[in-house]
Amino acid sequence: MKIVNKELIEKFAAKHADAAGALNRWIAQIERSAFSKHSELKAAFPSVDYIGKGRYVFNIKGNDYRLVAVVVFVSGLLTVCFIGAHAEYSRVDCLTVIQ
């Protein structure tokens, strides 16, 4: 899949060095995969949650951080909308947020 808005991840990793390794592994797995449906994504990322409007929430670094992305399986695109600490995630409307 192609990751759109990857600069959000890069900026976040620069500020949160403890998340950099987990984020790099997540990026590598997404980019080498060609998910065509929800069940394939869920098989690769068992903790991912679908929250509506094509948006998925990924747990990063043992759920210390959350990443919200729109996944369009047909076009093979994943657009990063939000990445932050678990507490920050709890305060945003993940169905509308785009950082």
C-alpha atoms as a PDB file:
ATOM      1  CA  MET A   1       0.000   0.000   0.000  1.00  0.00           C
ATOM      2  CA  LYS A   2       1.056   3.560  -0.536  1.00  0.00           C
ATOM      3  CA  ILE A   3       1.103   5.786   2.553  1.00  0.00           C
ATOM      4  CA  VAL A   4      -0.199   9.309   2.010  1.00  0.00           C
ATOM      5  CA  ASN A   5       0.716  12.042   4.497  1.00  0.00           C
ATOM      6  CA  LYS A   6       3.738  10.074   5.772  1.00  0.00           C
ATOM      7  CA  GLU A   7       5.307  13.351   6.914  1.00  0.00           C
ATOM      8  CA  LEU A   8       2.970  13.277   9.945  1.00  0.00           C
ATOM      9  CA  ILE A   9       4.633  10.041  11.026  1.00  0.00           C
ATOM     10  CA  GLU A  10       8.111  11.423  10.399  1.00  0.00           C
ATOM     11  CA  LYS A  11       7.428  14.591  12.419  1.00  0.00           C
ATOM     12  CA  PHE A  12       5.922  12.561  15.242  1.00  0.00           C
ATOM     13  CA  ALA A  13       8.864  10.130  15.314  1.00  0.00           C
ATOM     14  CA  ALA A  14      11.298  13.064  15.459  1.00  0.00           C
ATOM     15  CA  LYS A  15       9.560  14.340  18.601  1.00  0.00           C
ATOM     16  CA  HIS A  16       8.912  10.912  20.141  1.00  0.00           C
ATOM     17  CA  ALA A  17      12.099   8.907  19.639  1.00  0.00           C
ATOM     18  CA  ASP A  18      10.696   6.018  21.672  1.00  0.00           C
ATOM     19  CA  ALA A  19       8.088   5.451  18.943  1.00  0.00           C
ATOM     20  CA  ALA A  20      10.471   5.607  15.961  1.00  0.00           C
ATOM     21  CA  GLY A  21      11.284   1.896  15.826  1.00  0.00           C
ATOM     22  CA  ALA A  22       7.661   0.803  16.099  1.00  0.00           C
ATOM     23  CA  LEU A  23       6.598   3.345  13.487  1.00  0.00           C
ATOM     24  CA  ASN A  24       9.320   2.245  11.075  1.00  0.00           C
ATOM     25  CA  ARG A  25       8.191  -1.376  11.431  1.00  0.00           C
ATOM     26  CA  TRP A  26       4.562  -0.326  10.869  1.00  0.00           C
ATOM     27  CA  ILE A  27       5.523   1.660   7.740  1.00  0.00           C
ATOM     28  CA  ALA A  28       7.547  -1.248   6.352  1.00  0.00           C
ATOM     29  CA  GLN A  29       4.695  -3.702   6.861  1.00  0.00           C
ATOM     30  CA  ILE A  30       2.106  -1.401   5.295  1.00  0.00           C
ATOM     31  CA  GLU A  31       4.296  -0.553   2.289  1.00  0.00           C
ATOM     32  CA  ARG A  32       5.174  -4.157   1.484  1.00  0.00           C
ATOM     33  CA  SER A  33       1.538  -5.277   1.701  1.00  0.00           C
ATOM     34  CA  ALA A  34      -1.293  -5.110  -0.788  1.00  0.00           C
ATOM     35  CA  PHE A  35      -4.356  -5.340   1.418  1.00  0.00           C
ATOM     36  CA  SER A  36      -7.519  -5.703  -0.638  1.00  0.00           C
ATOM     37  CA  LYS A  37     -10.021  -6.020   2.198  1.00  0.00           C
ATOM     38  CA  HIS A  38     -10.594  -5.525   5.898  1.00  0.00           C
ATOM     39  CA  SER A  39      -9.925  -9.147   6.843  1.00  0.00           C
ATOM     40  CA  GLU A  40      -6.422  -9.037   5.316  1.00  0.00           C
ATOM     41  CA  LEU A  41      -5.582  -5.865   7.238  1.00  0.00           C
ATOM     42  CA  LYS A  42      -6.961  -7.392  10.437  1.00  0.00           C
ATOM     43  CA  ALA A  43      -4.896 -10.551   9.916  1.00  0.00           C
ATOM     44  CA  ALA A  44      -1.705  -8.491   9.671  1.00  0.00           C
ATOM     45  CA  PHE A  45      -2.659  -6.093  12.487  1.00  0.00           C
ATOM     46  CA  PRO A  46      -4.924  -7.991  14.927  1.00  0.00           C
ATOM     47  CA  SER A  47      -5.414  -4.957  17.196  1.00  0.00           C
ATOM     48  CA  VAL A  48      -6.544  -2.588  14.416  1.00  0.00           C
ATOM     49  CA  ASP A  49     -10.075  -1.236  14.884  1.00  0.00           C
ATOM     50  CA  TYR A  50     -12.428   0.006  12.173  1.00  0.00           C
ATOM     51  CA  ILE A  51     -14.193   3.153  13.440  1.00  0.00           C
ATOM     52  CA  GLY A  52     -16.232   4.127  10.373  1.00  0.00           C
ATOM     53  CA  LYS A  53     -15.861   6.329   7.279  1.00  0.00           C
ATOM     54  CA  GLY A  54     -13.027   4.118   6.044  1.00  0.00           C
ATOM     55  CA  ARG A  55     -10.951   4.950   9.121  1.00  0.00           C
ATOM     56  CA  TYR A  56      -8.861   2.511  11.090  1.00  0.00           C
ATOM     57  CA  VAL A  57      -7.085   2.949  14.418  1.00  0.00           C
ATOM     58  CA  PHE A  58      -3.693   1.268  14.796  1.00  0.00           C
ATOM     59  CA  ASN A  59      -2.016   0.737  18.162  1.00  0.00           C
ATOM     60  CA  ILE A  60       1.631   1.747  18.006  1.00  0.00           C
ATOM     61  CA  LYS A  61       4.287   0.662  20.507  1.00  0.00           C
ATOM     62  CA  GLY A  62       2.050  -1.502  22.658  1.00  0.00           C
ATOM     63  CA  ASN A  63      -0.843   0.989  22.597  1.00  0.00           C
ATOM     64  CA  ASP A  64       1.270   3.896  23.889  1.00  0.00           C
ATOM     65  CA  TYR A  65       0.365   5.714  20.674  1.00  0.00           C
ATOM     66  CA  ARG A  66      -2.532   5.649  18.248  1.00  0.00           C
ATOM     67  CA  LEU A  67      -2.471   6.205  14.511  1.00  0.00           C
ATOM     68  CA  VAL A  68      -5.693   6.889  12.609  1.00  0.00           C
ATOM     69  CA  ALA A  69      -5.756   6.357   8.865  1.00  0.00           C
ATOM     70  CA  VAL A  70      -8.235   6.193   6.025  1.00  0.00           C
ATOM     71  CA  VAL A  71      -7.723   2.981   4.082  1.00  0.00           C
ATOM     72  CA  VAL A  72      -8.970   2.755   0.507  1.00  0.00           C
ATOM     73  CA  PHE A  73      -8.458  -0.872  -0.417  1.00  0.00           C
ATOM     74  CA  VAL A  74      -9.476  -0.483  -4.076  1.00  0.00           C
ATOM     75  CA  SER A  75      -6.764   2.088  -4.787  1.00  0.00           C
ATOM     76  CA  GLY A  76      -4.200   0.702  -2.331  1.00  0.00           C
ATOM     77  CA  LEU A  77      -3.923   3.982  -0.419  1.00  0.00           C
ATOM     78  CA  LEU A  78      -3.616   4.575   3.305  1.00  0.00           C
ATOM     79  CA  THR A  79      -3.897   8.227   4.358  1.00  0.00           C
ATOM     80  CA  VAL A  80      -2.599   9.108   7.816  1.00  0.00           C
ATOM     81  CA  CYS A  81      -5.052  11.437   9.588  1.00  0.00           C
ATOM     82  CA  PHE A  82      -3.781  11.485  13.168  1.00  0.00           C
ATOM     83  CA  ILE A  83      -0.977  10.160  15.297  1.00  0.00           C
ATOM     84  CA  GLY A  84      -0.620  10.855  18.992  1.00  0.00           C
ATOM     85  CA  ALA A  85      -0.461   9.543  22.509  1.00  0.00           C
ATOM     86  CA  HIS A  86      -3.364   7.494  23.777  1.00  0.00           C
ATOM     87  CA  ALA A  87      -4.581  10.454  25.886  1.00  0.00           C
ATOM     88  CA  GLU A  88      -4.537  12.779  22.846  1.00  0.00           C
ATOM     89  CA  TYR A  89      -6.486  10.226  20.821  1.00  0.00           C
ATOM     90  CA  SER A  90      -9.196  10.220  23.479  1.00  0.00           C
ATOM     91  CA  ARG A  91      -9.728  13.966  22.988  1.00  0.00           C
ATOM     92  CA  VAL A  92     -10.127  14.083  19.191  1.00  0.00           C
ATOM     93  CA  ASP A  93     -12.976  13.227  16.862  1.00  0.00           C
ATOM     94  CA  CYS A  94     -11.258  10.558  14.801  1.00  0.00           C
ATOM     95  CA  LEU A  95     -13.973  10.555  12.165  1.00  0.00           C
ATOM     96  CA  THR A  96     -13.128  14.121  11.139  1.00  0.00           C
ATOM     97  CA  VAL A  97      -9.572  14.854  12.312  1.00  0.00           C
ATOM     98  CA  ILE A  98      -6.767  15.470   9.857  1.00  0.00           C
ATOM     99  CA  GLN A  99      -3.587  16.832  11.431  1.00  0.00           C
END
